[in-house]
Amino acid sequence: MNEKYNVYLVSDSTGETLDRIFLSLKSQFSNFDYEKKEFAFVRTEQQIDKIIKECINRENPLILYTIVETKLAKYISNQSNSNKVPCFGILGNLILSFSKLLNQKAIHKPSAQHVLDDDYYKRIEAIQFTMSHDDGKRVDDINNADVILLGVSRTSKTPTSIYLANRGYKTINIPLVLKNKVPKDILENKKVCVVGLVADPERLADIRRNRVAIMKDHKLKEYTDINFIRKEVDDSKSLFKKNNWPIIDVTRKSVEETAASILKIIEIKKNK
């Protein structure tokens, strides 16, 4: 039986970067049994002392940290070593390498990535735009969108839209319902990037049945009928091919993978 590790994620900022790095790291190990605890905005030695004290009282402790202030980073490293707690700094060597490459000193300022610059406001604007255009709520200003996602129900349109918005892309997502036509402006617009999302009908049927069970609405027989879903998916593919819109099958893709494919499509369209 594999040992269970107590993982401590220690950050001098929100911890978002460290959490994503750990997510990527743990995905590489299929038998990694762990319990995770996160500490954000750690900026004093006293805070670190409390974390170390807790670590030494737990089985198999492990610390991962993103602390950019040099003195504090050295402190957590030294204290961990003194107490024989495995400790790994995520950004330290990378910042040092960049410093040498760029021939300039790093500012070592916590939360520097969250500065209120133009990119920050662009992301906020994109998120607001995307939320107000979710699920076909608004289609009157298509020209202002960076990307439009089309697909039948349960093809991950909304989570993908939100992910793209967090990257600064104004996104409109529109559900394809057999009785409703695609807005004329989309068919005529050649500038906005339009992407079609599809999924395996059997997989969609499972997802929809679970959703109907949660909603406790058993009148939606057509919504979960496999033959109806197959027709929906086939019709959506025909629509996408007719208009030369790129198609992404999301059946076995995570939201991040789908978004990465869309970003490539956007880049290709920009360079045409």
C-alpha atoms as a PDB file:
ATOM      1  CA  MET A   1       0.000   0.000   0.000  1.00  0.00           C
ATOM      2  CA  ASN A   2       1.291   3.499  -0.929  1.00  0.00           C
ATOM      3  CA  GLU A   3       1.989   5.974   1.830  1.00  0.00           C
ATOM      4  CA  LYS A   4      -0.214   9.008   2.239  1.00  0.00           C
ATOM      5  CA  TYR A   5       1.463  12.411   2.108  1.00  0.00           C
ATOM      6  CA  ASN A   6       0.412  15.615   3.811  1.00  0.00           C
ATOM      7  CA  VAL A   7       1.068  18.306   1.217  1.00  0.00           C
ATOM      8  CA  TYR A   8       1.385  21.932   2.297  1.00  0.00           C
ATOM      9  CA  LEU A   9       1.093  24.577  -0.418  1.00  0.00           C
ATOM     10  CA  VAL A  10       2.592  27.811   0.891  1.00  0.00           C
ATOM     11  CA  SER A  11       2.318  31.057  -1.082  1.00  0.00           C
ATOM     12  CA  ASP A  12       3.008  34.715  -0.421  1.00  0.00           C
ATOM     13  CA  SER A  13       0.135  35.586  -2.762  1.00  0.00           C
ATOM     14  CA  THR A  14      -3.250  34.071  -3.602  1.00  0.00           C
ATOM     15  CA  GLY A  15      -1.789  30.587  -4.136  1.00  0.00           C
ATOM     16  CA  GLU A  16      -3.423  30.272  -7.551  1.00  0.00           C
ATOM     17  CA  THR A  17      -0.137  29.714  -9.407  1.00  0.00           C
ATOM     18  CA  LEU A  18       1.084  27.123  -6.919  1.00  0.00           C
ATOM     19  CA  ASP A  19      -2.226  25.263  -6.976  1.00  0.00           C
ATOM     20  CA  ARG A  20      -2.097  24.985 -10.764  1.00  0.00           C
ATOM     21  CA  ILE A  21       1.494  23.770 -10.680  1.00  0.00           C
ATOM     22  CA  PHE A  22       0.620  21.149  -8.075  1.00  0.00           C
ATOM     23  CA  LEU A  23      -2.361  20.062 -10.171  1.00  0.00           C
ATOM     24  CA  SER A  24      -0.033  19.453 -13.122  1.00  0.00           C
ATOM     25  CA  LEU A  25       2.538  17.745 -10.919  1.00  0.00           C
ATOM     26  CA  LYS A  26       0.173  15.292  -9.228  1.00  0.00           C
ATOM     27  CA  SER A  27      -1.395  14.321 -12.560  1.00  0.00           C
ATOM     28  CA  GLN A  28       1.908  12.657 -13.472  1.00  0.00           C
ATOM     29  CA  PHE A  29       1.629  10.128 -10.628  1.00  0.00           C
ATOM     30  CA  SER A  30      -1.266   7.679 -10.699  1.00  0.00           C
ATOM     31  CA  ASN A  31      -0.711   6.341  -7.166  1.00  0.00           C
ATOM     32  CA  PHE A  32      -0.105   9.574  -5.294  1.00  0.00           C
ATOM     33  CA  ASP A  33      -2.239   9.500  -2.143  1.00  0.00           C
ATOM     34  CA  TYR A  34      -2.262  12.865  -0.393  1.00  0.00           C
ATOM     35  CA  GLU A  35      -4.120  15.356   1.736  1.00  0.00           C
ATOM     36  CA  LYS A  36      -3.615  18.979   0.723  1.00  0.00           C
ATOM     37  CA  LYS A  37      -3.613  22.097   2.866  1.00  0.00           C
ATOM     38  CA  GLU A  38      -3.133  25.593   1.427  1.00  0.00           C
ATOM     39  CA  PHE A  39      -1.659  28.705   3.047  1.00  0.00           C
ATOM     40  CA  ALA A  40      -2.030  31.985   1.144  1.00  0.00           C
ATOM     41  CA  PHE A  41      -0.475  35.408   1.816  1.00  0.00           C
ATOM     42  CA  VAL A  42       2.320  33.982   3.964  1.00  0.00           C
ATOM     43  CA  ARG A  43       4.681  36.924   4.463  1.00  0.00           C
ATOM     44  CA  THR A  44       6.191  36.591   7.947  1.00  0.00           C
ATOM     45  CA  GLU A  45       8.551  34.185   9.679  1.00  0.00           C
ATOM     46  CA  GLN A  46       5.951  33.677  12.404  1.00  0.00           C
ATOM     47  CA  GLN A  47       3.497  32.312   9.841  1.00  0.00           C
ATOM     48  CA  ILE A  48       6.135  29.942   8.542  1.00  0.00           C
ATOM     49  CA  ASP A  49       6.984  28.771  12.075  1.00  0.00           C
ATOM     50  CA  LYS A  50       3.342  27.763  12.605  1.00  0.00           C
ATOM     51  CA  ILE A  51       3.296  25.828   9.336  1.00  0.00           C
ATOM     52  CA  ILE A  52       6.541  24.000  10.150  1.00  0.00           C
ATOM     53  CA  LYS A  53       5.228  23.168  13.635  1.00  0.00           C
ATOM     54  CA  GLU A  54       2.136  21.614  12.115  1.00  0.00           C
ATOM     55  CA  CYS A  55       4.197  19.720   9.534  1.00  0.00           C
ATOM     56  CA  ILE A  56       6.431  17.972  12.053  1.00  0.00           C
ATOM     57  CA  ASN A  57       3.360  16.638  13.843  1.00  0.00           C
ATOM     58  CA  ARG A  58       1.991  14.993  10.680  1.00  0.00           C
ATOM     59  CA  GLU A  59       2.970  11.841   8.810  1.00  0.00           C
ATOM     60  CA  ASN A  60       4.959  12.321   5.591  1.00  0.00           C
ATOM     61  CA  PRO A  61       4.773  16.126   5.372  1.00  0.00           C
ATOM     62  CA  LEU A  62       5.782  17.837   2.141  1.00  0.00           C
ATOM     63  CA  ILE A  63       6.038  21.568   1.450  1.00  0.00           C
ATOM     64  CA  LEU A  64       5.777  23.270  -1.929  1.00  0.00           C
ATOM     65  CA  TYR A  65       6.094  27.039  -1.896  1.00  0.00           C
ATOM     66  CA  THR A  66       6.051  30.119  -4.073  1.00  0.00           C
ATOM     67  CA  ILE A  67       7.694  32.881  -2.050  1.00  0.00           C
ATOM     68  CA  VAL A  68       9.510  35.524  -4.062  1.00  0.00           C
ATOM     69  CA  GLU A  69      10.962  37.599  -1.201  1.00  0.00           C
ATOM     70  CA  THR A  70      14.516  36.218  -0.924  1.00  0.00           C
ATOM     71  CA  LYS A  71      14.952  36.371   2.845  1.00  0.00           C
ATOM     72  CA  LEU A  72      11.624  34.678   3.565  1.00  0.00           C
ATOM     73  CA  ALA A  73      12.243  32.024   0.904  1.00  0.00           C
ATOM     74  CA  LYS A  74      15.575  31.175   2.554  1.00  0.00           C
ATOM     75  CA  TYR A  75      13.867  31.054   5.939  1.00  0.00           C
ATOM     76  CA  ILE A  76      11.245  28.487   4.954  1.00  0.00           C
ATOM     77  CA  SER A  77      13.929  26.420   3.220  1.00  0.00           C
ATOM     78  CA  ASN A  78      16.267  26.477   6.235  1.00  0.00           C
ATOM     79  CA  GLN A  79      13.520  25.757   8.753  1.00  0.00           C
ATOM     80  CA  SER A  80      12.269  22.853   6.672  1.00  0.00           C
ATOM     81  CA  ASN A  81      15.744  21.373   6.351  1.00  0.00           C
ATOM     82  CA  SER A  82      16.363  21.759  10.099  1.00  0.00           C
ATOM     83  CA  ASN A  83      13.196  19.823  10.846  1.00  0.00           C
ATOM     84  CA  LYS A  84      13.776  17.296   8.064  1.00  0.00           C
ATOM     85  CA  VAL A  85      10.649  18.287   6.160  1.00  0.00           C
ATOM     86  CA  PRO A  86      10.965  17.906   2.349  1.00  0.00           C
ATOM     87  CA  CYS A  87      10.561  21.396   0.900  1.00  0.00           C
ATOM     88  CA  PHE A  88      10.576  22.595  -2.712  1.00  0.00           C
ATOM     89  CA  GLY A  89      10.597  26.172  -3.962  1.00  0.00           C
ATOM     90  CA  ILE A  90       8.733  26.415  -7.264  1.00  0.00           C
ATOM     91  CA  LEU A  91       9.855  29.819  -8.556  1.00  0.00           C
ATOM     92  CA  GLY A  92      13.250  30.377  -6.943  1.00  0.00           C
ATOM     93  CA  ASN A  93      15.582  28.789  -9.501  1.00  0.00           C
ATOM     94  CA  LEU A  94      13.445  30.005 -12.397  1.00  0.00           C
ATOM     95  CA  ILE A  95      13.577  33.637 -11.207  1.00  0.00           C
ATOM     96  CA  LEU A  96      17.338  33.359 -10.705  1.00  0.00           C
ATOM     97  CA  SER A  97      17.830  31.928 -14.192  1.00  0.00           C
ATOM     98  CA  PHE A  98      15.738  34.685 -15.749  1.00  0.00           C
ATOM     99  CA  SER A  99      17.643  37.282 -13.775  1.00  0.00           C
ATOM    100  CA  LYS A 100      20.913  36.032 -15.240  1.00  0.00           C
ATOM    101  CA  LEU A 101      19.483  35.773 -18.750  1.00  0.00           C
ATOM    102  CA  LEU A 102      17.965  39.268 -18.720  1.00  0.00           C
ATOM    103  CA  ASN A 103      20.943  40.708 -16.832  1.00  0.00           C
ATOM    104  CA  GLN A 104      18.731  42.478 -14.328  1.00  0.00           C
ATOM    105  CA  LYS A 105      17.594  41.951 -10.765  1.00  0.00           C
ATOM    106  CA  ALA A 106      14.125  40.616 -10.031  1.00  0.00           C
ATOM    107  CA  ILE A 107      11.916  42.874  -7.906  1.00  0.00           C
ATOM    108  CA  HIS A 108      10.888  39.951  -5.621  1.00  0.00           C
ATOM    109  CA  LYS A 109       7.506  41.553  -5.026  1.00  0.00           C
ATOM    110  CA  PRO A 110       4.636  39.299  -3.833  1.00  0.00           C
ATOM    111  CA  SER A 111       1.462  39.401  -5.965  1.00  0.00           C
ATOM    112  CA  ALA A 112       3.299  41.266  -8.730  1.00  0.00           C
ATOM    113  CA  GLN A 113       1.308  39.244 -11.284  1.00  0.00           C
ATOM    114  CA  HIS A 114      -1.911  40.778  -9.956  1.00  0.00           C
ATOM    115  CA  VAL A 115      -0.962  44.361 -10.762  1.00  0.00           C
ATOM    116  CA  LEU A 116      -3.855  46.425 -12.151  1.00  0.00           C
ATOM    117  CA  ASP A 117      -2.450  46.845 -15.653  1.00  0.00           C
ATOM    118  CA  ASP A 118      -4.099  46.860 -19.092  1.00  0.00           C
ATOM    119  CA  ASP A 119      -4.144  43.057 -19.235  1.00  0.00           C
ATOM    120  CA  TYR A 120      -5.972  42.911 -15.918  1.00  0.00           C
ATOM    121  CA  TYR A 121      -8.719  45.264 -17.076  1.00  0.00           C
ATOM    122  CA  LYS A 122      -8.938  43.402 -20.379  1.00  0.00           C
ATOM    123  CA  ARG A 123      -9.624  40.164 -18.508  1.00  0.00           C
ATOM    124  CA  ILE A 124     -12.264  41.803 -16.298  1.00  0.00           C
ATOM    125  CA  GLU A 125     -13.985  43.262 -19.366  1.00  0.00           C
ATOM    126  CA  ALA A 126     -13.869  39.885 -21.104  1.00  0.00           C
ATOM    127  CA  ILE A 127     -15.383  38.125 -18.073  1.00  0.00           C
ATOM    128  CA  GLN A 128     -18.219  40.651 -17.814  1.00  0.00           C
ATOM    129  CA  PHE A 129     -18.905  40.399 -21.555  1.00  0.00           C
ATOM    130  CA  THR A 130     -18.851  36.589 -21.484  1.00  0.00           C
ATOM    131  CA  MET A 131     -21.170  36.265 -18.501  1.00  0.00           C
ATOM    132  CA  SER A 132     -23.728  38.589 -20.077  1.00  0.00           C
ATOM    133  CA  HIS A 133     -23.609  36.545 -23.305  1.00  0.00           C
ATOM    134  CA  ASP A 134     -23.806  33.098 -21.728  1.00  0.00           C
ATOM    135  CA  ASP A 135     -26.182  30.510 -23.165  1.00  0.00           C
ATOM    136  CA  GLY A 136     -27.371  32.762 -25.987  1.00  0.00           C
ATOM    137  CA  LYS A 137     -28.643  35.511 -23.679  1.00  0.00           C
ATOM    138  CA  ARG A 138     -27.480  38.222 -26.074  1.00  0.00           C
ATOM    139  CA  VAL A 139     -26.558  38.042 -29.743  1.00  0.00           C
ATOM    140  CA  ASP A 140     -27.031  41.697 -30.691  1.00  0.00           C
ATOM    141  CA  ASP A 141     -23.355  42.678 -30.566  1.00  0.00           C
ATOM    142  CA  ILE A 142     -21.589  39.728 -32.149  1.00  0.00           C
ATOM    143  CA  ASN A 143     -19.012  42.017 -33.757  1.00  0.00           C
ATOM    144  CA  ASN A 144     -17.611  42.795 -30.305  1.00  0.00           C
ATOM    145  CA  ALA A 145     -16.824  39.136 -29.553  1.00  0.00           C
ATOM    146  CA  ASP A 146     -13.432  37.493 -30.007  1.00  0.00           C
ATOM    147  CA  VAL A 147     -14.903  34.019 -30.331  1.00  0.00           C
ATOM    148  CA  ILE A 148     -18.337  32.406 -30.609  1.00  0.00           C
ATOM    149  CA  LEU A 149     -18.941  28.861 -29.409  1.00  0.00           C
ATOM    150  CA  LEU A 150     -21.823  26.829 -30.822  1.00  0.00           C
ATOM    151  CA  GLY A 151     -22.980  23.403 -29.718  1.00  0.00           C
ATOM    152  CA  VAL A 152     -25.894  21.331 -28.509  1.00  0.00           C
ATOM    153  CA  SER A 153     -26.703  21.151 -24.809  1.00  0.00           C
ATOM    154  CA  ARG A 154     -23.982  19.776 -22.472  1.00  0.00           C
ATOM    155  CA  THR A 155     -20.988  20.273 -24.768  1.00  0.00           C
ATOM    156  CA  SER A 156     -19.098  22.355 -22.149  1.00  0.00           C
ATOM    157  CA  LYS A 157     -19.829  25.697 -23.796  1.00  0.00           C
ATOM    158  CA  THR A 158     -20.191  27.708 -20.591  1.00  0.00           C
ATOM    159  CA  PRO A 159     -17.091  26.464 -18.684  1.00  0.00           C
ATOM    160  CA  THR A 160     -14.999  26.799 -21.833  1.00  0.00           C
ATOM    161  CA  SER A 161     -16.295  30.341 -22.343  1.00  0.00           C
ATOM    162  CA  ILE A 162     -15.406  31.301 -18.779  1.00  0.00           C
ATOM    163  CA  TYR A 163     -11.917  29.839 -19.157  1.00  0.00           C
ATOM    164  CA  LEU A 164     -11.364  31.847 -22.353  1.00  0.00           C
ATOM    165  CA  ALA A 165     -12.702  34.969 -20.657  1.00  0.00           C
ATOM    166  CA  ASN A 166     -10.139  34.545 -17.894  1.00  0.00           C
ATOM    167  CA  ARG A 167      -7.524  34.595 -20.643  1.00  0.00           C
ATOM    168  CA  GLY A 168      -8.935  37.906 -21.887  1.00  0.00           C
ATOM    169  CA  TYR A 169     -11.149  36.712 -24.765  1.00  0.00           C
ATOM    170  CA  LYS A 170     -14.696  38.023 -25.080  1.00  0.00           C
ATOM    171  CA  THR A 171     -16.738  34.896 -25.690  1.00  0.00           C
ATOM    172  CA  ILE A 172     -20.327  34.288 -26.739  1.00  0.00           C
ATOM    173  CA  ASN A 173     -21.772  30.789 -26.430  1.00  0.00           C
ATOM    174  CA  ILE A 174     -25.006  29.810 -28.103  1.00  0.00           C
ATOM    175  CA  PRO A 175     -26.870  26.510 -27.644  1.00  0.00           C
ATOM    176  CA  LEU A 176     -28.066  24.806 -30.790  1.00  0.00           C
ATOM    177  CA  VAL A 177     -31.713  23.875 -30.478  1.00  0.00           C
ATOM    178  CA  LEU A 178     -33.291  22.145 -33.467  1.00  0.00           C
ATOM    179  CA  LYS A 179     -36.260  24.492 -33.580  1.00  0.00           C
ATOM    180  CA  ASN A 180     -34.149  27.636 -33.390  1.00  0.00           C
ATOM    181  CA  LYS A 181     -32.007  29.003 -36.190  1.00  0.00           C
ATOM    182  CA  VAL A 182     -28.490  30.334 -35.758  1.00  0.00           C
ATOM    183  CA  PRO A 183     -28.547  34.162 -35.630  1.00  0.00           C
ATOM    184  CA  LYS A 184     -28.155  35.629 -39.093  1.00  0.00           C
ATOM    185  CA  ASP A 185     -25.314  37.902 -37.976  1.00  0.00           C
ATOM    186  CA  ILE A 186     -23.142  34.881 -37.202  1.00  0.00           C
ATOM    187  CA  LEU A 187     -23.701  33.367 -40.637  1.00  0.00           C
ATOM    188  CA  GLU A 188     -22.781  36.632 -42.336  1.00  0.00           C
ATOM    189  CA  ASN A 189     -19.863  37.620 -40.085  1.00  0.00           C
ATOM    190  CA  LYS A 190     -16.514  36.486 -41.453  1.00  0.00           C
ATOM    191  CA  LYS A 191     -14.301  38.284 -38.934  1.00  0.00           C
ATOM    192  CA  VAL A 192     -15.320  36.716 -35.617  1.00  0.00           C
ATOM    193  CA  CYS A 193     -13.869  33.282 -34.863  1.00  0.00           C
ATOM    194  CA  VAL A 194     -16.717  30.740 -34.698  1.00  0.00           C
ATOM    195  CA  VAL A 195     -16.039  27.264 -33.274  1.00  0.00           C
ATOM    196  CA  GLY A 196     -18.376  24.286 -33.157  1.00  0.00           C
ATOM    197  CA  LEU A 197     -18.320  21.934 -30.163  1.00  0.00           C
ATOM    198  CA  VAL A 198     -19.536  18.350 -30.469  1.00  0.00           C
ATOM    199  CA  ALA A 199     -19.499  15.260 -28.249  1.00  0.00           C
ATOM    200  CA  ASP A 200     -20.289  11.558 -28.408  1.00  0.00           C
ATOM    201  CA  PRO A 201     -24.110  11.092 -28.289  1.00  0.00           C
ATOM    202  CA  GLU A 202     -23.899   8.271 -25.710  1.00  0.00           C
ATOM    203  CA  ARG A 203     -21.785  10.449 -23.450  1.00  0.00           C
ATOM    204  CA  LEU A 204     -24.209  13.363 -23.859  1.00  0.00           C
ATOM    205  CA  ALA A 205     -27.129  11.078 -23.019  1.00  0.00           C
ATOM    206  CA  ASP A 206     -25.467  10.039 -19.747  1.00  0.00           C
ATOM    207  CA  ILE A 207     -24.732  13.645 -18.787  1.00  0.00           C
ATOM    208  CA  ARG A 208     -28.249  14.774 -19.633  1.00  0.00           C
ATOM    209  CA  ARG A 209     -29.864  11.929 -17.700  1.00  0.00           C
ATOM    210  CA  ASN A 210     -27.863  12.909 -14.633  1.00  0.00           C
ATOM    211  CA  ARG A 211     -28.914  16.519 -15.055  1.00  0.00           C
ATOM    212  CA  VAL A 212     -32.592  15.609 -15.434  1.00  0.00           C
ATOM    213  CA  ALA A 213     -32.370  13.433 -12.316  1.00  0.00           C
ATOM    214  CA  ILE A 214     -30.984  16.367 -10.349  1.00  0.00           C
ATOM    215  CA  MET A 215     -33.667  18.685 -11.732  1.00  0.00           C
ATOM    216  CA  LYS A 216     -36.302  15.990 -10.984  1.00  0.00           C
ATOM    217  CA  ASP A 217     -38.002  16.844 -14.265  1.00  0.00           C
ATOM    218  CA  HIS A 218     -38.969  13.593 -15.971  1.00  0.00           C
ATOM    219  CA  LYS A 219     -40.953  15.287 -18.746  1.00  0.00           C
ATOM    220  CA  LEU A 220     -37.784  15.893 -20.782  1.00  0.00           C
ATOM    221  CA  LYS A 221     -37.853  12.518 -22.550  1.00  0.00           C
ATOM    222  CA  GLU A 222     -36.721  13.948 -25.887  1.00  0.00           C
ATOM    223  CA  TYR A 223     -33.806  15.730 -24.195  1.00  0.00           C
ATOM    224  CA  THR A 224     -32.331  12.411 -23.044  1.00  0.00           C
ATOM    225  CA  ASP A 225     -33.423  10.214 -25.963  1.00  0.00           C
ATOM    226  CA  ILE A 226     -30.337   8.774 -27.674  1.00  0.00           C
ATOM    227  CA  ASN A 227     -31.848   8.921 -31.175  1.00  0.00           C
ATOM    228  CA  PHE A 228     -32.847  12.533 -30.690  1.00  0.00           C
ATOM    229  CA  ILE A 229     -29.351  13.360 -29.429  1.00  0.00           C
ATOM    230  CA  ARG A 230     -27.704  11.616 -32.396  1.00  0.00           C
ATOM    231  CA  LYS A 231     -29.784  13.757 -34.748  1.00  0.00           C
ATOM    232  CA  GLU A 232     -28.865  16.893 -32.787  1.00  0.00           C
ATOM    233  CA  VAL A 233     -25.156  16.114 -33.033  1.00  0.00           C
ATOM    234  CA  ASP A 234     -25.331  15.142 -36.722  1.00  0.00           C
ATOM    235  CA  ASP A 235     -27.251  18.307 -37.575  1.00  0.00           C
ATOM    236  CA  SER A 236     -24.755  20.458 -35.658  1.00  0.00           C
ATOM    237  CA  LYS A 237     -21.835  18.852 -37.527  1.00  0.00           C
ATOM    238  CA  SER A 238     -23.571  19.499 -40.843  1.00  0.00           C
ATOM    239  CA  LEU A 239     -24.092  23.143 -39.862  1.00  0.00           C
ATOM    240  CA  PHE A 240     -20.439  23.567 -38.897  1.00  0.00           C
ATOM    241  CA  LYS A 241     -19.151  21.934 -42.092  1.00  0.00           C
ATOM    242  CA  LYS A 242     -21.543  23.952 -44.269  1.00  0.00           C
ATOM    243  CA  ASN A 243     -20.135  27.193 -42.858  1.00  0.00           C
ATOM    244  CA  ASN A 244     -16.510  25.986 -42.703  1.00  0.00           C
ATOM    245  CA  TRP A 245     -16.400  26.431 -38.949  1.00  0.00           C
ATOM    246  CA  PRO A 246     -13.722  24.405 -37.120  1.00  0.00           C
ATOM    247  CA  ILE A 247     -15.087  21.537 -35.026  1.00  0.00           C
ATOM    248  CA  ILE A 248     -13.760  20.320 -31.675  1.00  0.00           C
ATOM    249  CA  ASP A 249     -14.893  17.020 -30.163  1.00  0.00           C
ATOM    250  CA  VAL A 250     -14.981  17.615 -26.401  1.00  0.00           C
ATOM    251  CA  THR A 251     -15.887  14.032 -25.416  1.00  0.00           C
ATOM    252  CA  ARG A 252     -12.495  13.184 -23.934  1.00  0.00           C
ATOM    253  CA  LYS A 253     -11.140  16.687 -23.517  1.00  0.00           C
ATOM    254  CA  SER A 254     -10.874  18.745 -20.358  1.00  0.00           C
ATOM    255  CA  VAL A 255     -12.040  22.351 -20.485  1.00  0.00           C
ATOM    256  CA  GLU A 256      -8.382  23.436 -20.503  1.00  0.00           C
ATOM    257  CA  GLU A 257      -7.610  21.212 -23.504  1.00  0.00           C
ATOM    258  CA  THR A 258     -10.655  22.468 -25.409  1.00  0.00           C
ATOM    259  CA  ALA A 259      -9.710  26.083 -24.673  1.00  0.00           C
ATOM    260  CA  ALA A 260      -6.117  25.464 -25.796  1.00  0.00           C
ATOM    261  CA  SER A 261      -7.410  24.144 -29.136  1.00  0.00           C
ATOM    262  CA  ILE A 262      -9.647  27.201 -29.524  1.00  0.00           C
ATOM    263  CA  LEU A 263      -6.749  29.564 -28.792  1.00  0.00           C
ATOM    264  CA  LYS A 264      -4.775  27.897 -31.590  1.00  0.00           C
ATOM    265  CA  ILE A 265      -7.725  28.368 -33.949  1.00  0.00           C
ATOM    266  CA  ILE A 266      -7.980  32.056 -32.982  1.00  0.00           C
ATOM    267  CA  GLU A 267      -4.251  32.523 -33.636  1.00  0.00           C
ATOM    268  CA  ILE A 268      -4.477  30.826 -37.032  1.00  0.00           C
ATOM    269  CA  LYS A 269      -7.435  33.020 -38.023  1.00  0.00           C
ATOM    270  CA  LYS A 270      -5.537  36.168 -36.956  1.00  0.00           C
ATOM    271  CA  ASN A 271      -2.577  35.256 -39.148  1.00  0.00           C
ATOM    272  CA  LYS A 272      -4.636  34.592 -42.272  1.00  0.00           C
END
